[in-house]
Amino acid sequence: MRRLFGSVRSRATLAATLVVAVALVAAGGAVLLSLRSNLIGEAGTDAERSARAVASSLALGKRYDQLSLDEEDEPVQVVDENRKLVAASEDLERISGTDTDAVKPRARPTAPAGGEEGEESGDSDQDADDDSSLHPGEIDEKTTYTNGSATIDGETGDYRFAAVKVEVEGKGLLIVYAGAPLSAEKSAVNTALTVMLIGFPLLLAVVAGVTWLVTRRALRPVEGIRGEMAAITASEDLARRVPVPDTHDEVARLARTTNETLAALETSVERQRRFVADASHELRSPIASLRTQLEVGAAHPELLDVEGAVEDTVRLQRLAADLLLLARLDAGERPAADARFDLAALAREEAEGRAGVTLEAPEAVEVAGSRGQVGRLLTNLLDNARRHARSAVRVSVRREGEWAVAGVADDGDGVPEGDRERIFERFVRLDEARSRDDGGAGLGLAIARDVAARHGGTLTVHDAPTGGALFELRLPLARSDR
């Protein structure tokens, strides 16, 4: 079953078919009930019409044998207040659903001498007047309905019976039962049910087929995207892109988002490849130099350059530390949100002991984040400024709205406008800083910008008032300090 409905297309087709099936069953049931109710109501109206016609004849004083009870081949009964049959349709053979199942009225007894019948009749009339609220010749406006069956001339059928009361002078309260056949109702309901039983499956088949085809057409671009992604995974060619359908729906947005993800992934992978290549290149030189010095020292101890070996070792240590920090930053390491420190005090600590560095920090400026990482950022900026300054480096810390701003300016040659973004790339050195001994590995400014970004801030470079470069760090103030 899971394999049968494992695709979106099959599940969509099944869901649409089930919804339509439920709707059709509900609508069909409502139609059948409404049709049956209307036809039963019409049959009740016909039965009431016949019953009132007979009641009117009785109210006018017609005798029982003068009543027209067989004109429409419908069952008619007239019973008295004691529920005894006094008149009925001549061809009526069997009946149910009324107060009596008698079909032939009993013969009336012969009146005894002395007018006893008249006295008995008088007593009956008096009782009827006492029990009935109707006046002689009046027909009750209320009609009651029942369902039953009757057999007329050997044919049995279901009927809707209407009962009407009438007060007849000399006869008391009479009840007229007249029936109307329900064969039309049964025929119509059965016909409608047959049409539904035939038509509903055909309609459901059409709905299922159309849904299958429409869903297949709608999901065709998704299959194209899936196939292309599978090919990209197999070939490891991140330069490929998935096809974007010429529509403006969710599938087209999915394709565009997928291509954007592939582009970002390609950029990230290419960046990592360059990073590994550049790191290997940077590590190769000090390792080769250190190995050469050690090999020479092993063969000729008197020629061992200990200072050079120490410098290469320190350089390797710094480069390894930079690479480790970059790896942690690339992994998404973020500072603790509740850690706070004074940026002005930190800048003061980093500037102490450095020749030619002046600090302007008139007040405490509290920011949130990692004190160690921001300290590393300031160290890299100060090292870079000292490397390019002619004589002086100026550090300033101030508040500016909701930001803490730290600036490191030198009086060197500055940074050309076209290189002001490139210098923050990894392993990038400008022409005047190509020396590995003086210019480092080209990771300091890249680390500084990554640290600023991880703290929700920015790091940019501008022209300094003294003519050199001004590196400006912006970090959000701590919440309690805003």
Protein backbone atom coordinates (compact mmCIF):
# COMPACT_ATOMS: atom_id res chain seq x y z
CA MET A 1 0.00 0.00 0.00
CA ARG A 2 2.85 2.40 0.85
CA ARG A 3 4.52 1.65 -2.45
CA LEU A 4 1.22 2.09 -4.32
CA PHE A 5 0.59 5.54 -2.81
CA GLY A 6 4.24 6.49 -2.40
CA SER A 7 4.14 9.32 -4.94
CA VAL A 8 2.61 12.75 -4.59
CA ARG A 9 0.64 12.19 -7.77
CA SER A 10 -1.07 9.02 -6.50
CA ARG A 11 -1.82 10.58 -3.11
CA ALA A 12 -3.23 13.72 -4.73
CA THR A 13 -5.40 11.61 -7.03
CA LEU A 14 -6.65 9.50 -4.12
CA ALA A 15 -7.38 12.57 -1.99
CA ALA A 16 -9.25 14.37 -4.78
CA THR A 17 -11.27 11.25 -5.59
CA LEU A 18 -12.19 10.70 -1.94
CA VAL A 19 -13.23 14.33 -1.48
CA VAL A 20 -15.42 14.25 -4.60
CA ALA A 21 -16.85 10.87 -3.56
CA VAL A 22 -17.83 12.18 -0.13
CA ALA A 23 -19.34 15.30 -1.70
CA LEU A 24 -21.29 13.23 -4.24
CA VAL A 25 -22.61 10.83 -1.59
CA ALA A 26 -23.69 13.73 0.60
CA ALA A 27 -25.29 15.59 -2.30
CA GLY A 28 -26.92 12.41 -3.64
CA GLY A 29 -28.35 11.56 -0.24
CA ALA A 30 -29.71 15.08 0.13
CA VAL A 31 -31.29 14.92 -3.35
CA LEU A 32 -32.91 11.55 -2.64
CA LEU A 33 -34.27 12.68 0.69
CA SER A 34 -35.58 15.91 -0.81
CA LEU A 35 -37.16 14.08 -3.77
CA ARG A 36 -38.78 11.52 -1.50
CA SER A 37 -40.08 14.20 0.85
CA ASN A 38 -41.55 16.24 -1.99
CA LEU A 39 -43.24 13.25 -3.61
CA ILE A 40 -44.64 12.05 -0.29
CA GLY A 41 -45.91 15.58 0.29
CA GLU A 42 -47.64 15.58 -3.10
CA ALA A 43 -49.19 12.20 -2.35
CA GLY A 44 -50.40 13.54 1.00
CA THR A 45 -51.94 16.53 -0.75
CA ASP A 46 -53.81 14.27 -3.19
CA ALA A 47 -55.00 12.07 -0.32
CA GLU A 48 -56.17 15.10 1.65
CA ARG A 49 -58.06 16.40 -1.40
CA SER A 50 -59.89 13.09 -1.77
CA ALA A 51 -60.62 12.86 1.98
CA ARG A 52 -62.04 16.38 2.11
CA ALA A 53 -64.19 15.72 -0.96
CA VAL A 54 -65.77 12.74 0.80
CA ALA A 55 -66.07 14.73 4.04
CA SER A 56 -67.84 17.52 2.17
CA SER A 57 -70.34 15.01 0.75
CA LEU A 58 -71.01 13.70 4.23
CA ALA A 59 -71.38 17.22 5.63
CA LEU A 60 -74.00 17.90 2.96
CA GLY A 61 -76.07 14.98 4.26
CA LYS A 62 -75.40 12.30 1.65
CA ARG A 63 -76.00 8.74 2.66
CA TYR A 64 -73.12 6.30 2.73
CA ASP A 65 -74.35 4.52 -0.38
CA GLN A 66 -74.42 7.81 -2.26
CA LEU A 67 -70.71 8.58 -1.68
CA SER A 68 -68.30 8.40 -4.66
CA LEU A 69 -65.56 6.20 -3.18
CA ASP A 70 -64.28 4.37 -6.28
CA GLU A 71 -63.77 7.10 -8.87
CA GLU A 72 -59.95 7.23 -8.77
CA ASP A 73 -59.25 3.64 -7.67
CA GLU A 74 -57.86 4.93 -4.37
CA PRO A 75 -58.71 3.37 -0.98
CA VAL A 76 -61.25 5.29 1.10
CA GLN A 77 -62.60 4.43 4.55
CA VAL A 78 -65.19 6.18 6.69
CA VAL A 79 -65.25 5.25 10.37
CA ASP A 80 -67.38 6.52 13.19
CA GLU A 81 -66.31 7.83 16.55
CA ASN A 82 -66.00 4.25 17.85
CA ARG A 83 -63.54 3.42 15.05
CA LYS A 84 -66.09 1.20 13.32
CA LEU A 85 -66.11 1.11 9.54
CA VAL A 86 -69.29 2.60 8.11
CA ALA A 87 -68.27 3.00 4.44
CA ALA A 88 -65.35 1.91 2.23
CA SER A 89 -64.27 1.64 -1.39
CA GLU A 90 -66.10 -1.19 -3.09
CA ASP A 91 -62.98 -2.83 -4.58
CA LEU A 92 -60.92 -2.53 -1.38
CA GLU A 93 -59.70 -6.00 -0.36
CA ARG A 94 -57.09 -5.27 2.27
CA ILE A 95 -55.76 -2.22 4.10
CA SER A 96 -53.25 -1.27 6.82
CA GLY A 97 -52.07 2.02 8.29
CA THR A 98 -55.50 3.33 9.34
CA ASP A 99 -57.45 2.90 12.57
CA THR A 100 -59.18 -0.25 11.28
CA ASP A 101 -58.24 -2.97 8.87
CA ALA A 102 -61.91 -3.68 8.00
CA VAL A 103 -62.75 -3.33 4.34
CA LYS A 104 -66.50 -3.98 4.39
CA PRO A 105 -68.94 -2.12 6.68
CA ARG A 106 -71.10 -4.32 8.88
CA ALA A 107 -74.85 -4.53 8.18
CA ARG A 108 -76.86 -2.22 10.40
CA PRO A 109 -79.28 -4.02 12.86
CA THR A 110 -83.06 -3.72 12.39
CA ALA A 111 -84.63 -1.07 14.62
CA PRO A 112 -86.67 -2.57 17.53
CA ALA A 113 -90.29 -1.62 18.19
CA GLY A 114 -91.06 1.33 20.31
CA GLY A 115 -88.44 3.60 18.74
CA GLU A 116 -85.53 2.18 20.72
CA GLU A 117 -83.23 2.75 17.77
CA GLY A 118 -84.18 6.35 17.71
CA GLU A 119 -83.49 6.65 21.38
CA GLU A 120 -80.15 4.89 20.96
CA SER A 121 -79.32 7.13 18.07
CA GLY A 122 -80.27 10.13 20.13
CA ASP A 123 -77.96 9.03 22.92
CA SER A 124 -75.12 8.50 20.38
CA ASP A 125 -75.66 11.95 18.95
CA GLN A 126 -75.58 13.43 22.40
CA ASP A 127 -72.30 11.65 23.15
CA ALA A 128 -70.81 12.84 19.88
CA ASP A 129 -71.82 16.40 20.64
CA ASP A 130 -70.18 16.10 24.02
CA ASP A 131 -66.88 14.60 22.62
CA SER A 132 -66.55 16.72 19.49
CA SER A 133 -65.71 20.38 19.30
CA LEU A 134 -67.08 20.49 15.75
CA HIS A 135 -70.56 21.64 14.89
CA PRO A 136 -72.92 19.60 12.65
CA GLY A 137 -71.82 19.98 9.02
CA GLU A 138 -68.34 21.30 10.00
CA ILE A 139 -65.10 19.74 8.70
CA ASP A 140 -61.96 19.79 10.86
CA GLU A 141 -59.21 21.92 9.38
CA LYS A 142 -56.52 19.63 10.81
CA THR A 143 -55.35 16.68 8.73
CA THR A 144 -53.27 13.78 10.01
CA TYR A 145 -51.12 11.59 7.78
CA THR A 146 -49.99 7.97 7.98
CA ASN A 147 -48.29 5.51 5.67
CA GLY A 148 -49.67 2.10 4.96
CA SER A 149 -50.64 -0.36 2.24
CA ALA A 150 -53.81 -1.45 0.49
CA THR A 151 -54.97 -4.10 -1.95
CA ILE A 152 -57.45 -3.01 -4.64
CA ASP A 153 -58.64 -5.43 -7.31
CA GLY A 154 -55.80 -7.80 -6.42
CA GLU A 155 -53.06 -5.17 -6.72
CA THR A 156 -51.17 -4.29 -3.54
CA GLY A 157 -49.30 -1.05 -3.13
CA ASP A 158 -48.05 1.47 -0.60
CA TYR A 159 -50.21 4.50 0.11
CA ARG A 160 -50.11 7.82 1.91
CA PHE A 161 -53.30 8.17 3.98
CA ALA A 162 -54.90 11.45 5.01
CA ALA A 163 -57.44 11.48 7.88
CA VAL A 164 -60.06 14.26 8.08
CA LYS A 165 -62.75 14.57 10.77
CA VAL A 166 -66.27 15.77 9.99
CA GLU A 167 -69.32 16.27 12.21
CA VAL A 168 -72.51 14.97 10.52
CA GLU A 169 -75.95 15.66 11.91
CA GLY A 170 -77.62 12.46 12.99
CA LYS A 171 -74.40 10.43 12.55
CA GLY A 172 -72.02 12.11 14.94
CA LEU A 173 -68.27 12.45 14.42
CA LEU A 174 -66.90 10.61 11.39
CA ILE A 175 -63.32 10.18 10.22
CA VAL A 176 -62.57 9.90 6.50
CA TYR A 177 -59.39 8.07 5.43
CA ALA A 178 -58.30 8.51 1.85
CA GLY A 179 -55.09 7.14 0.35
CA ALA A 180 -52.85 8.26 -2.51
CA PRO A 181 -50.40 5.77 -4.08
CA LEU A 182 -46.66 6.09 -3.34
CA SER A 183 -45.68 4.18 -6.48
CA ALA A 184 -44.58 7.40 -8.22
CA GLU A 185 -42.39 8.29 -5.25
CA LYS A 186 -40.77 4.84 -5.22
CA SER A 187 -40.29 4.87 -8.97
CA ALA A 188 -38.72 8.32 -8.97
CA VAL A 189 -36.41 7.54 -6.02
CA ASN A 190 -35.35 4.23 -7.55
CA THR A 191 -34.68 5.89 -10.90
CA ALA A 192 -32.62 8.63 -9.27
CA LEU A 193 -30.72 6.05 -7.20
CA THR A 194 -29.98 3.99 -10.31
CA VAL A 195 -28.70 7.06 -12.15
CA MET A 196 -26.47 7.91 -9.19
CA LEU A 197 -25.11 4.39 -8.88
CA ILE A 198 -24.17 4.46 -12.55
CA GLY A 199 -23.13 8.08 -12.87
CA PHE A 200 -21.15 8.55 -9.67
CA PRO A 201 -18.52 5.88 -10.45
CA LEU A 202 -18.12 7.29 -13.95
CA LEU A 203 -17.73 10.82 -12.55
CA LEU A 204 -15.21 9.61 -9.97
CA ALA A 205 -13.25 7.88 -12.71
CA VAL A 206 -13.16 11.13 -14.69
CA VAL A 207 -12.07 13.09 -11.61
CA ALA A 208 -9.32 10.57 -10.85
CA GLY A 209 -8.09 10.60 -14.45
CA VAL A 210 -8.07 14.38 -14.74
CA THR A 211 -6.35 14.77 -11.36
CA TRP A 212 -3.73 12.20 -12.36
CA LEU A 213 -2.98 14.00 -15.62
CA VAL A 214 -3.00 17.50 -14.13
CA THR A 215 -0.79 16.45 -11.21
CA ARG A 216 1.57 14.70 -13.60
CA ARG A 217 1.86 17.84 -15.69
CA ALA A 218 2.30 20.04 -12.61
CA LEU A 219 5.00 17.78 -11.12
CA ARG A 220 6.93 17.31 -14.35
CA PRO A 221 9.23 20.29 -13.58
CA VAL A 222 9.82 18.86 -10.09
CA GLU A 223 10.98 15.61 -11.65
CA GLY A 224 13.29 17.63 -13.90
CA ILE A 225 14.72 19.38 -10.85
CA ARG A 226 15.17 16.06 -9.06
CA GLY A 227 16.89 14.48 -12.04
CA GLU A 228 19.28 17.40 -12.44
CA MET A 229 20.08 17.41 -8.73
CA ALA A 230 20.83 13.68 -8.92
CA ALA A 231 23.12 14.31 -11.88
CA ILE A 232 24.88 17.15 -10.03
CA THR A 233 25.38 14.90 -7.02
CA ALA A 234 26.81 12.12 -9.16
CA SER A 235 29.12 14.39 -11.18
CA GLU A 236 30.02 16.76 -8.28
CA ASP A 237 29.81 19.58 -10.81
CA LEU A 238 28.40 22.46 -8.78
CA ALA A 239 28.50 24.76 -11.82
CA ARG A 240 25.39 23.06 -13.22
CA ARG A 241 21.94 24.46 -12.52
CA VAL A 242 18.45 22.98 -12.42
CA PRO A 243 15.92 23.96 -15.10
CA VAL A 244 13.57 26.80 -14.16
CA PRO A 245 10.05 26.40 -15.62
CA ASP A 246 8.53 29.36 -17.43
CA THR A 247 5.87 29.89 -14.77
CA HIS A 248 5.35 32.00 -11.70
CA ASP A 249 4.25 29.29 -9.30
CA GLU A 250 5.80 27.50 -6.34
CA VAL A 251 7.75 25.08 -8.56
CA ALA A 252 9.48 27.97 -10.36
CA ARG A 253 10.35 29.56 -7.01
CA LEU A 254 11.69 26.21 -5.82
CA ALA A 255 13.90 25.96 -8.91
CA ARG A 256 15.24 29.50 -8.46
CA THR A 257 15.91 28.90 -4.76
CA THR A 258 17.66 25.64 -5.61
CA ASN A 259 19.89 27.43 -8.11
CA GLU A 260 20.68 30.10 -5.53
CA THR A 261 21.59 27.37 -3.05
CA LEU A 262 23.81 25.69 -5.64
CA ALA A 263 25.49 29.01 -6.38
CA ALA A 264 26.14 29.64 -2.69
CA LEU A 265 27.41 26.08 -2.29
CA GLU A 266 29.67 26.45 -5.29
CA THR A 267 31.06 29.70 -3.87
CA SER A 268 31.60 28.09 -0.48
CA VAL A 269 33.32 25.03 -1.92
CA GLU A 270 35.50 27.18 -4.17
CA ARG A 271 36.37 29.34 -1.20
CA GLN A 272 37.33 26.30 0.84
CA ARG A 273 39.44 24.98 -2.01
CA ARG A 274 41.27 28.27 -2.31
CA PHE A 275 41.65 28.39 1.44
CA VAL A 276 43.20 24.92 1.57
CA ALA A 277 45.49 25.71 -1.36
CA ASP A 278 46.60 29.04 0.10
CA ALA A 279 47.06 27.54 3.56
CA SER A 280 49.17 24.75 2.11
CA HIS A 281 51.23 27.30 0.20
CA GLU A 282 51.72 29.46 3.29
CA LEU A 283 52.70 26.48 5.42
CA ARG A 284 55.10 25.10 2.86
CA SER A 285 57.60 27.98 3.05
CA PRO A 286 58.23 28.11 6.83
CA ILE A 287 58.21 24.33 7.09
CA ALA A 288 60.72 24.02 4.24
CA SER A 289 62.89 26.78 5.76
CA LEU A 290 62.75 25.18 9.20
CA ARG A 291 63.60 21.76 7.79
CA THR A 292 66.54 23.16 5.85
CA GLN A 293 67.90 24.88 8.94
CA LEU A 294 67.53 21.72 11.02
CA GLU A 295 69.19 19.55 8.37
CA VAL A 296 72.10 22.00 8.11
CA GLY A 297 72.32 22.13 11.89
CA ALA A 298 72.36 18.33 12.08
CA ALA A 299 75.23 18.12 9.58
CA HIS A 300 77.07 21.25 10.76
CA PRO A 301 75.99 22.25 14.26
CA GLU A 302 78.15 25.35 14.13
CA LEU A 303 76.01 26.66 11.21
CA LEU A 304 72.62 26.18 12.94
CA ASP A 305 70.58 29.42 12.79
CA VAL A 306 68.66 29.12 16.02
CA GLU A 307 67.05 32.56 15.76
CA GLY A 308 65.80 31.81 12.26
CA ALA A 309 64.39 28.46 13.40
CA VAL A 310 62.60 30.14 16.28
CA GLU A 311 61.15 32.80 13.95
CA ASP A 312 59.88 30.14 11.55
CA THR A 313 58.41 28.18 14.46
CA VAL A 314 56.63 31.27 15.83
CA ARG A 315 55.35 32.06 12.36
CA LEU A 316 54.01 28.52 12.04
CA GLN A 317 52.38 28.83 15.45
CA ARG A 318 50.66 32.10 14.51
CA LEU A 319 49.52 30.74 11.18
CA ALA A 320 48.12 27.61 12.82
CA ALA A 321 46.28 29.77 15.37
CA ASP A 322 44.82 31.93 12.59
CA LEU A 323 43.71 28.90 10.61
CA LEU A 324 42.10 27.36 13.70
CA LEU A 325 40.20 30.58 14.47
CA LEU A 326 39.00 30.84 10.87
CA ALA A 327 37.84 27.22 11.00
CA ARG A 328 35.82 27.96 14.17
CA LEU A 329 34.30 31.07 12.59
CA ASP A 330 33.40 29.18 9.41
CA ALA A 331 31.74 26.52 11.55
CA GLY A 332 29.35 29.21 12.83
CA GLU A 333 30.82 29.78 16.26
CA ARG A 334 29.12 32.77 17.84
CA PRO A 335 29.87 34.58 21.11
CA ALA A 336 27.70 34.12 24.17
CA ALA A 337 24.80 36.56 24.13
CA ASP A 338 25.07 37.42 27.84
CA ALA A 339 28.84 38.13 27.83
CA ARG A 340 29.67 41.88 28.09
CA PHE A 341 32.83 43.93 28.27
CA ASP A 342 34.08 47.51 28.01
CA LEU A 343 35.35 48.14 24.47
CA ALA A 344 37.25 51.26 25.56
CA ALA A 345 39.08 49.36 28.31
CA LEU A 346 39.90 46.54 25.88
CA ALA A 347 41.29 49.03 23.35
CA ARG A 348 43.37 50.60 26.09
CA GLU A 349 44.86 47.20 27.00
CA GLU A 350 45.72 46.40 23.38
CA ALA A 351 47.31 49.83 22.81
CA GLU A 352 49.50 49.73 25.92
CA GLY A 353 53.15 49.02 25.27
CA ARG A 354 52.96 49.84 21.55
CA ALA A 355 55.23 52.64 20.47
CA GLY A 356 53.59 55.51 18.59
CA VAL A 357 50.01 54.46 19.46
CA THR A 358 47.66 57.00 21.06
CA LEU A 359 44.18 56.33 22.44
CA GLU A 360 41.09 58.52 22.65
CA ALA A 361 38.38 56.89 24.80
CA PRO A 362 36.63 59.48 26.99
CA GLU A 363 34.01 57.09 28.45
CA ALA A 364 33.22 53.44 28.95
CA VAL A 365 31.44 51.76 26.04
CA GLU A 366 29.92 48.39 26.87
CA VAL A 367 29.26 45.83 24.14
CA ALA A 368 28.14 42.18 24.14
CA GLY A 369 30.21 39.32 22.78
CA SER A 370 33.52 37.54 23.13
CA ARG A 371 36.19 39.71 24.71
CA GLY A 372 38.93 37.44 23.40
CA GLN A 373 37.75 37.51 19.77
CA VAL A 374 37.25 41.31 19.75
CA GLY A 375 40.68 41.65 21.37
CA ARG A 376 42.13 39.57 18.54
CA LEU A 377 40.35 41.86 16.08
CA LEU A 378 41.91 44.98 17.61
CA THR A 379 45.34 43.32 17.73
CA ASN A 380 45.15 42.54 14.01
CA LEU A 381 44.10 46.12 13.22
CA LEU A 382 46.94 47.56 15.34
CA ASP A 383 49.50 45.21 13.79
CA ASN A 384 48.31 46.17 10.31
CA ALA A 385 48.40 49.90 11.18
CA ARG A 386 51.93 49.67 12.65
CA ARG A 387 53.10 47.83 9.55
CA HIS A 388 51.94 50.64 7.24
CA ALA A 389 52.25 53.75 9.46
CA ARG A 390 55.09 56.20 9.01
CA SER A 391 55.19 57.40 12.59
CA ALA A 392 51.91 57.27 14.50
CA VAL A 393 48.75 55.24 15.01
CA ARG A 394 45.65 56.70 16.63
CA VAL A 395 42.92 54.58 18.30
CA SER A 396 39.53 56.05 19.21
CA VAL A 397 36.41 54.60 20.87
CA ARG A 398 33.08 56.45 21.03
CA ARG A 399 29.32 56.00 21.03
CA GLU A 400 27.27 56.82 17.97
CA GLY A 401 23.54 56.22 18.46
CA GLU A 402 23.03 52.53 19.18
CA TRP A 403 26.53 51.65 18.02
CA ALA A 404 29.95 51.46 19.60
CA VAL A 405 32.52 52.75 17.11
CA ALA A 406 36.24 51.97 17.35
CA GLY A 407 38.65 53.49 14.84
CA VAL A 408 42.29 52.60 14.10
CA ALA A 409 44.01 55.21 11.89
CA ASP A 410 47.58 55.41 10.61
CA ASP A 411 49.54 58.06 8.72
CA GLY A 412 50.75 55.78 5.98
CA ASP A 413 49.87 55.71 2.30
CA GLY A 414 46.31 54.51 2.83
CA VAL A 415 44.39 51.88 0.87
CA PRO A 416 43.42 52.50 -2.77
CA GLU A 417 39.64 52.69 -3.20
CA GLY A 418 39.60 49.73 -5.58
CA ASP A 419 41.28 47.49 -3.00
CA ARG A 420 39.19 48.40 0.04
CA GLU A 421 37.12 45.24 -0.15
CA ARG A 422 39.80 42.95 -1.54
CA ILE A 423 42.09 43.45 1.47
CA PHE A 424 39.52 41.62 3.64
CA GLU A 425 39.81 38.47 1.56
CA ARG A 426 41.89 35.62 2.90
CA PHE A 427 45.58 35.36 1.95
CA VAL A 428 45.43 38.68 0.08
CA ARG A 429 48.43 41.04 0.26
CA LEU A 430 48.73 44.31 -1.57
CA ASP A 431 51.85 44.92 -3.63
CA GLU A 432 53.61 46.88 -0.91
CA ALA A 433 52.97 44.12 1.60
CA ARG A 434 54.00 41.05 -0.40
CA SER A 435 56.88 40.17 1.89
CA ARG A 436 55.94 37.22 4.03
CA ASP A 437 58.18 38.46 6.80
CA ASP A 438 56.61 41.91 6.97
CA GLY A 439 53.14 41.34 5.54
CA GLY A 440 52.17 38.18 7.37
CA ALA A 441 50.00 35.50 5.78
CA GLY A 442 47.21 37.86 4.73
CA LEU A 443 44.71 36.50 7.29
CA GLY A 444 44.61 39.29 9.89
CA LEU A 445 42.07 41.56 8.20
CA ALA A 446 39.97 38.58 7.04
CA ILE A 447 39.79 37.33 10.63
CA ALA A 448 38.93 40.85 11.87
CA ARG A 449 35.97 41.20 9.49
CA ASP A 450 34.66 37.71 10.27
CA VAL A 451 34.80 38.46 14.00
CA ALA A 452 32.93 41.75 13.46
CA ALA A 453 30.25 39.98 11.43
CA ARG A 454 29.84 37.26 14.09
CA HIS A 455 29.18 40.02 16.65
CA GLY A 456 26.51 41.67 14.49
CA GLY A 457 28.79 44.52 13.45
CA THR A 458 30.80 45.78 10.48
CA LEU A 459 34.42 46.56 9.66
CA THR A 460 35.20 49.03 6.87
CA VAL A 461 38.19 51.07 5.71
CA HIS A 462 38.21 54.79 4.82
CA ASP A 463 40.67 57.63 4.39
CA ALA A 464 42.16 58.79 7.69
CA PRO A 465 42.36 62.50 8.56
CA THR A 466 46.16 62.11 8.68
CA GLY A 467 46.20 60.80 5.13
CA GLY A 468 46.55 57.09 5.82
CA ALA A 469 43.93 54.36 6.33
CA LEU A 470 41.15 54.44 8.88
CA PHE A 471 39.69 51.07 9.86
CA GLU A 472 36.29 51.61 11.53
CA LEU A 473 34.67 48.90 13.65
CA ARG A 474 30.97 49.18 14.52
CA LEU A 475 29.42 46.90 17.15
CA PRO A 476 25.92 47.13 18.69
CA LEU A 477 25.86 48.46 22.23
CA ALA A 478 24.86 46.11 25.03
CA ARG A 479 21.11 46.32 25.69
CA SER A 480 21.35 47.85 29.13
CA ASP A 481 23.71 50.47 27.72
CA ARG A 482 21.42 51.68 24.91
